[in-house]
Amino acid sequence: MDGVRERLAIAMTAARIRGLSRIRSAFFIAILLIALLWFTQWPSLRAGLLLLLAGQFAIVVLTLWRNRQIEKEGRALSELALQTDDLPAWFDEELRSVALVASCEAGLRTLGFLVLAFGFWKATGNATLSLVLGVGYPAITFFTMDRRKQLAAQHRLRAEKASVEAMLRRQS
């Protein structure tokens, strides 16, 4: 059982580190968005920038919330309060959390860029560039970078869960 708990503790630590990395990234993007909001000459862009900023803050809040849960579960693990049935369930919860944060991020980014594109179209009258900004960029980032990172994280979690379940079967 100690090997299983050790694997789960490592997975929890890795999840918290991923969360902290995501928080740092969201704060950096938020600083850039605040700078854009401060210096923009076109008021029609502010609504889209505010939505993008809200998306970054939502990522921070969701990730902090999940990191607090992981911290509590880690304490329960160290106090041996977690049951063997709880161990694989932790991976399911982490998979749901990864999907929730990724969906929130993609949805708010897409909405923000659509509103930003509308504001850009109002300010410049350039429909082509507005469509590329509002539809093309979010689609490209989602289907190239974001989706790939999310699938890789889910694959790692599923593999670790399978490993823990195999260890539990061997021990029983």
C-alpha atoms as a PDB file:
ATOM      1  CA  MET A   1       0.000   0.000   0.000  1.00  0.00           C
ATOM      2  CA  ASP A   2       2.914   2.351   0.653  1.00  0.00           C
ATOM      3  CA  GLY A   3       3.993   2.174  -3.005  1.00  0.00           C
ATOM      4  CA  VAL A   4       0.502   3.125  -4.122  1.00  0.00           C
ATOM      5  CA  ARG A   5       0.339   6.040  -1.692  1.00  0.00           C
ATOM      6  CA  GLU A   6       3.773   7.168  -2.838  1.00  0.00           C
ATOM      7  CA  ARG A   7       2.658   7.109  -6.496  1.00  0.00           C
ATOM      8  CA  LEU A   8      -0.455   9.081  -5.611  1.00  0.00           C
ATOM      9  CA  ALA A   9       1.600  11.598  -3.628  1.00  0.00           C
ATOM     10  CA  ILE A  10       3.865  12.075  -6.658  1.00  0.00           C
ATOM     11  CA  ALA A  11       0.828  12.526  -8.926  1.00  0.00           C
ATOM     12  CA  MET A  12      -0.636  15.076  -6.501  1.00  0.00           C
ATOM     13  CA  THR A  13       2.623  17.009  -6.403  1.00  0.00           C
ATOM     14  CA  ALA A  14       2.829  16.998 -10.201  1.00  0.00           C
ATOM     15  CA  ALA A  15      -0.780  18.246 -10.439  1.00  0.00           C
ATOM     16  CA  ARG A  16      -0.057  21.080  -8.013  1.00  0.00           C
ATOM     17  CA  ILE A  17       3.082  22.057  -9.955  1.00  0.00           C
ATOM     18  CA  ARG A  18       1.070  22.073 -13.215  1.00  0.00           C
ATOM     19  CA  GLY A  19      -1.504  24.260 -11.483  1.00  0.00           C
ATOM     20  CA  LEU A  20       1.115  26.726 -10.274  1.00  0.00           C
ATOM     21  CA  SER A  21       2.594  26.898 -13.759  1.00  0.00           C
ATOM     22  CA  ARG A  22      -0.855  27.582 -15.187  1.00  0.00           C
ATOM     23  CA  ILE A  23      -1.425  30.311 -12.599  1.00  0.00           C
ATOM     24  CA  ARG A  24       1.887  32.009 -13.462  1.00  0.00           C
ATOM     25  CA  SER A  25       1.019  31.875 -17.144  1.00  0.00           C
ATOM     26  CA  ALA A  26      -2.456  33.323 -16.513  1.00  0.00           C
ATOM     27  CA  PHE A  27      -1.002  36.162 -14.425  1.00  0.00           C
ATOM     28  CA  PHE A  28       1.517  37.002 -17.148  1.00  0.00           C
ATOM     29  CA  ILE A  29      -1.225  37.108 -19.793  1.00  0.00           C
ATOM     30  CA  ALA A  30      -3.406  39.151 -17.430  1.00  0.00           C
ATOM     31  CA  ILE A  31      -0.624  41.728 -17.048  1.00  0.00           C
ATOM     32  CA  LEU A  32      -0.367  42.000 -20.832  1.00  0.00           C
ATOM     33  CA  LEU A  33      -4.147  42.379 -21.134  1.00  0.00           C
ATOM     34  CA  ILE A  34      -4.194  45.078 -18.455  1.00  0.00           C
ATOM     35  CA  ALA A  35      -1.481  46.936 -20.370  1.00  0.00           C
ATOM     36  CA  LEU A  36      -3.529  46.662 -23.572  1.00  0.00           C
ATOM     37  CA  LEU A  37      -6.623  47.908 -21.751  1.00  0.00           C
ATOM     38  CA  TRP A  38      -4.677  50.843 -20.348  1.00  0.00           C
ATOM     39  CA  PHE A  39      -3.083  51.911 -23.623  1.00  0.00           C
ATOM     40  CA  THR A  40      -5.809  51.131 -26.171  1.00  0.00           C
ATOM     41  CA  GLN A  41      -6.977  54.058 -28.241  1.00  0.00           C
ATOM     42  CA  TRP A  42     -10.146  52.276 -29.386  1.00  0.00           C
ATOM     43  CA  PRO A  43     -12.867  52.022 -26.734  1.00  0.00           C
ATOM     44  CA  SER A  44     -14.630  49.365 -28.815  1.00  0.00           C
ATOM     45  CA  LEU A  45     -11.820  46.915 -27.964  1.00  0.00           C
ATOM     46  CA  ARG A  46     -12.267  47.202 -24.213  1.00  0.00           C
ATOM     47  CA  ALA A  47     -15.168  44.728 -23.895  1.00  0.00           C
ATOM     48  CA  GLY A  48     -13.226  41.965 -25.636  1.00  0.00           C
ATOM     49  CA  LEU A  49     -10.089  42.681 -23.612  1.00  0.00           C
ATOM     50  CA  LEU A  50     -12.139  42.611 -20.399  1.00  0.00           C
ATOM     51  CA  LEU A  51     -13.591  39.207 -21.351  1.00  0.00           C
ATOM     52  CA  LEU A  52     -10.106  37.872 -22.047  1.00  0.00           C
ATOM     53  CA  LEU A  53      -8.938  39.256 -18.702  1.00  0.00           C
ATOM     54  CA  ALA A  54     -11.927  37.670 -16.931  1.00  0.00           C
ATOM     55  CA  GLY A  55     -10.975  34.361 -18.537  1.00  0.00           C
ATOM     56  CA  GLN A  56      -7.469  34.574 -17.120  1.00  0.00           C
ATOM     57  CA  PHE A  57      -8.800  35.348 -13.654  1.00  0.00           C
ATOM     58  CA  ALA A  58     -11.269  32.447 -13.937  1.00  0.00           C
ATOM     59  CA  ILE A  59      -8.346  30.125 -14.712  1.00  0.00           C
ATOM     60  CA  VAL A  60      -6.519  31.382 -11.630  1.00  0.00           C
ATOM     61  CA  VAL A  61      -9.576  30.898  -9.387  1.00  0.00           C
ATOM     62  CA  LEU A  62     -10.358  27.394 -10.700  1.00  0.00           C
ATOM     63  CA  THR A  63      -6.731  26.319 -10.439  1.00  0.00           C
ATOM     64  CA  LEU A  64      -6.322  27.721  -6.918  1.00  0.00           C
ATOM     65  CA  TRP A  65      -9.515  25.941  -5.878  1.00  0.00           C
ATOM     66  CA  ARG A  66      -8.247  22.629  -7.275  1.00  0.00           C
ATOM     67  CA  ASN A  67      -4.805  23.097  -5.706  1.00  0.00           C
ATOM     68  CA  ARG A  68      -6.469  23.614  -2.310  1.00  0.00           C
ATOM     69  CA  GLN A  69      -8.428  20.390  -2.796  1.00  0.00           C
ATOM     70  CA  ILE A  70      -5.229  18.554  -3.702  1.00  0.00           C
ATOM     71  CA  GLU A  71      -3.544  19.981  -0.599  1.00  0.00           C
ATOM     72  CA  LYS A  72      -6.366  18.678   1.629  1.00  0.00           C
ATOM     73  CA  GLU A  73      -6.286  15.289  -0.095  1.00  0.00           C
ATOM     74  CA  GLY A  74      -2.508  15.183   0.346  1.00  0.00           C
ATOM     75  CA  ARG A  75      -2.902  15.766   4.086  1.00  0.00           C
ATOM     76  CA  ALA A  76      -5.509  13.011   4.247  1.00  0.00           C
ATOM     77  CA  LEU A  77      -3.128  10.741   2.351  1.00  0.00           C
ATOM     78  CA  SER A  78      -0.275  11.449   4.751  1.00  0.00           C
ATOM     79  CA  GLU A  79      -2.585  10.795   7.721  1.00  0.00           C
ATOM     80  CA  LEU A  80      -3.686   7.528   6.082  1.00  0.00           C
ATOM     81  CA  ALA A  81      -7.277   8.779   6.073  1.00  0.00           C
ATOM     82  CA  LEU A  82      -7.782   8.003   2.374  1.00  0.00           C
ATOM     83  CA  GLN A  83      -9.234   4.582   1.659  1.00  0.00           C
ATOM     84  CA  THR A  84      -8.027   2.395  -1.189  1.00  0.00           C
ATOM     85  CA  ASP A  85     -11.259   3.106  -3.077  1.00  0.00           C
ATOM     86  CA  ASP A  86     -10.472   6.820  -2.923  1.00  0.00           C
ATOM     87  CA  LEU A  87      -7.124   6.475  -4.687  1.00  0.00           C
ATOM     88  CA  PRO A  88      -8.329   5.784  -8.279  1.00  0.00           C
ATOM     89  CA  ALA A  89     -11.217   8.227  -7.731  1.00  0.00           C
ATOM     90  CA  TRP A  90      -8.654  10.996  -7.201  1.00  0.00           C
ATOM     91  CA  PHE A  91      -7.449  10.536 -10.789  1.00  0.00           C
ATOM     92  CA  ASP A  92     -11.035  10.768 -12.083  1.00  0.00           C
ATOM     93  CA  GLU A  93     -11.500  14.032 -10.183  1.00  0.00           C
ATOM     94  CA  GLU A  94      -8.232  15.382 -11.550  1.00  0.00           C
ATOM     95  CA  LEU A  95      -9.287  14.445 -15.110  1.00  0.00           C
ATOM     96  CA  ARG A  96     -12.556  16.338 -14.618  1.00  0.00           C
ATOM     97  CA  SER A  97     -10.653  19.310 -13.230  1.00  0.00           C
ATOM     98  CA  VAL A  98      -8.252  19.405 -16.192  1.00  0.00           C
ATOM     99  CA  ALA A  99     -11.195  19.262 -18.604  1.00  0.00           C
ATOM    100  CA  LEU A 100     -13.115  21.981 -16.725  1.00  0.00           C
ATOM    101  CA  VAL A 101     -10.223  24.430 -16.675  1.00  0.00           C
ATOM    102  CA  ALA A 102      -9.392  23.759 -20.340  1.00  0.00           C
ATOM    103  CA  SER A 103     -13.027  24.208 -21.398  1.00  0.00           C
ATOM    104  CA  CYS A 104     -13.369  27.402 -19.383  1.00  0.00           C
ATOM    105  CA  GLU A 105     -10.156  28.758 -20.854  1.00  0.00           C
ATOM    106  CA  ALA A 106     -11.078  27.883 -24.444  1.00  0.00           C
ATOM    107  CA  GLY A 107     -14.646  29.144 -24.119  1.00  0.00           C
ATOM    108  CA  LEU A 108     -13.788  32.483 -22.553  1.00  0.00           C
ATOM    109  CA  ARG A 109     -10.884  33.010 -24.931  1.00  0.00           C
ATOM    110  CA  THR A 110     -13.117  32.328 -27.935  1.00  0.00           C
ATOM    111  CA  LEU A 111     -15.853  34.613 -26.627  1.00  0.00           C
ATOM    112  CA  GLY A 112     -13.315  37.309 -25.797  1.00  0.00           C
ATOM    113  CA  PHE A 113     -11.734  37.179 -29.230  1.00  0.00           C
ATOM    114  CA  LEU A 114     -15.136  37.257 -30.950  1.00  0.00           C
ATOM    115  CA  VAL A 115     -16.062  40.406 -29.004  1.00  0.00           C
ATOM    116  CA  LEU A 116     -12.579  41.805 -29.644  1.00  0.00           C
ATOM    117  CA  ALA A 117     -13.005  41.116 -33.374  1.00  0.00           C
ATOM    118  CA  PHE A 118     -16.349  42.895 -33.369  1.00  0.00           C
ATOM    119  CA  GLY A 119     -14.756  45.876 -31.649  1.00  0.00           C
ATOM    120  CA  PHE A 120     -11.887  45.822 -34.137  1.00  0.00           C
ATOM    121  CA  TRP A 121     -14.377  45.704 -37.025  1.00  0.00           C
ATOM    122  CA  LYS A 122     -16.281  48.676 -35.543  1.00  0.00           C
ATOM    123  CA  ALA A 123     -13.046  50.652 -35.148  1.00  0.00           C
ATOM    124  CA  THR A 124     -11.459  49.859 -38.530  1.00  0.00           C
ATOM    125  CA  GLY A 125     -14.165  48.494 -40.803  1.00  0.00           C
ATOM    126  CA  ASN A 126     -11.824  45.645 -41.833  1.00  0.00           C
ATOM    127  CA  ALA A 127     -14.038  42.529 -41.814  1.00  0.00           C
ATOM    128  CA  THR A 128     -11.369  40.107 -43.065  1.00  0.00           C
ATOM    129  CA  LEU A 129      -8.877  40.890 -40.339  1.00  0.00           C
ATOM    130  CA  SER A 130     -11.683  40.875 -37.777  1.00  0.00           C
ATOM    131  CA  LEU A 131     -12.730  37.352 -38.814  1.00  0.00           C
ATOM    132  CA  VAL A 132      -9.152  36.122 -38.658  1.00  0.00           C
ATOM    133  CA  LEU A 133      -8.742  37.664 -35.204  1.00  0.00           C
ATOM    134  CA  GLY A 134     -12.125  36.568 -33.845  1.00  0.00           C
ATOM    135  CA  VAL A 135     -12.510  33.120 -35.368  1.00  0.00           C
ATOM    136  CA  GLY A 136      -9.213  32.024 -36.865  1.00  0.00           C
ATOM    137  CA  TYR A 137      -6.876  32.694 -33.964  1.00  0.00           C
ATOM    138  CA  PRO A 138      -8.988  30.994 -31.249  1.00  0.00           C
ATOM    139  CA  ALA A 139      -9.639  28.008 -33.515  1.00  0.00           C
ATOM    140  CA  ILE A 140      -5.964  27.608 -34.376  1.00  0.00           C
ATOM    141  CA  THR A 141      -4.818  27.878 -30.760  1.00  0.00           C
ATOM    142  CA  PHE A 142      -7.488  25.456 -29.552  1.00  0.00           C
ATOM    143  CA  PHE A 143      -6.911  22.774 -32.175  1.00  0.00           C
ATOM    144  CA  THR A 144      -3.114  23.009 -32.149  1.00  0.00           C
ATOM    145  CA  MET A 145      -1.689  23.945 -28.759  1.00  0.00           C
ATOM    146  CA  ASP A 146      -4.477  23.788 -26.176  1.00  0.00           C
ATOM    147  CA  ARG A 147      -6.154  20.575 -27.249  1.00  0.00           C
ATOM    148  CA  ARG A 148      -2.814  18.791 -27.600  1.00  0.00           C
ATOM    149  CA  LYS A 149      -1.696  19.850 -24.105  1.00  0.00           C
ATOM    150  CA  GLN A 150      -5.039  18.842 -22.595  1.00  0.00           C
ATOM    151  CA  LEU A 151      -4.971  15.419 -24.264  1.00  0.00           C
ATOM    152  CA  ALA A 152      -1.381  14.823 -23.142  1.00  0.00           C
ATOM    153  CA  ALA A 153      -2.252  15.708 -19.530  1.00  0.00           C
ATOM    154  CA  GLN A 154      -5.290  13.433 -19.611  1.00  0.00           C
ATOM    155  CA  HIS A 155      -3.230  10.605 -21.116  1.00  0.00           C
ATOM    156  CA  ARG A 156      -0.606  10.918 -18.347  1.00  0.00           C
ATOM    157  CA  LEU A 157      -3.314  10.878 -15.665  1.00  0.00           C
ATOM    158  CA  ARG A 158      -5.031   7.832 -17.187  1.00  0.00           C
ATOM    159  CA  ALA A 159      -1.719   5.962 -17.413  1.00  0.00           C
ATOM    160  CA  GLU A 160      -0.897   6.776 -13.786  1.00  0.00           C
ATOM    161  CA  LYS A 161      -4.398   5.713 -12.708  1.00  0.00           C
ATOM    162  CA  ALA A 162      -4.011   2.394 -14.535  1.00  0.00           C
ATOM    163  CA  SER A 163      -0.656   1.875 -12.826  1.00  0.00           C
ATOM    164  CA  VAL A 164      -2.129   2.576  -9.389  1.00  0.00           C
ATOM    165  CA  GLU A 165      -5.099   0.277 -10.043  1.00  0.00           C
ATOM    166  CA  ALA A 166      -2.718  -2.502 -11.156  1.00  0.00           C
ATOM    167  CA  MET A 167      -0.695  -2.063  -7.957  1.00  0.00           C
ATOM    168  CA  LEU A 168      -3.882  -2.236  -5.878  1.00  0.00           C
ATOM    169  CA  ARG A 169      -4.987  -5.443  -7.660  1.00  0.00           C
ATOM    170  CA  ARG A 170      -1.598  -7.046  -6.992  1.00  0.00           C
ATOM    171  CA  GLN A 171      -1.781  -6.142  -3.315  1.00  0.00           C
ATOM    172  CA  SER A 172      -5.254  -7.541  -2.773  1.00  0.00           C
END
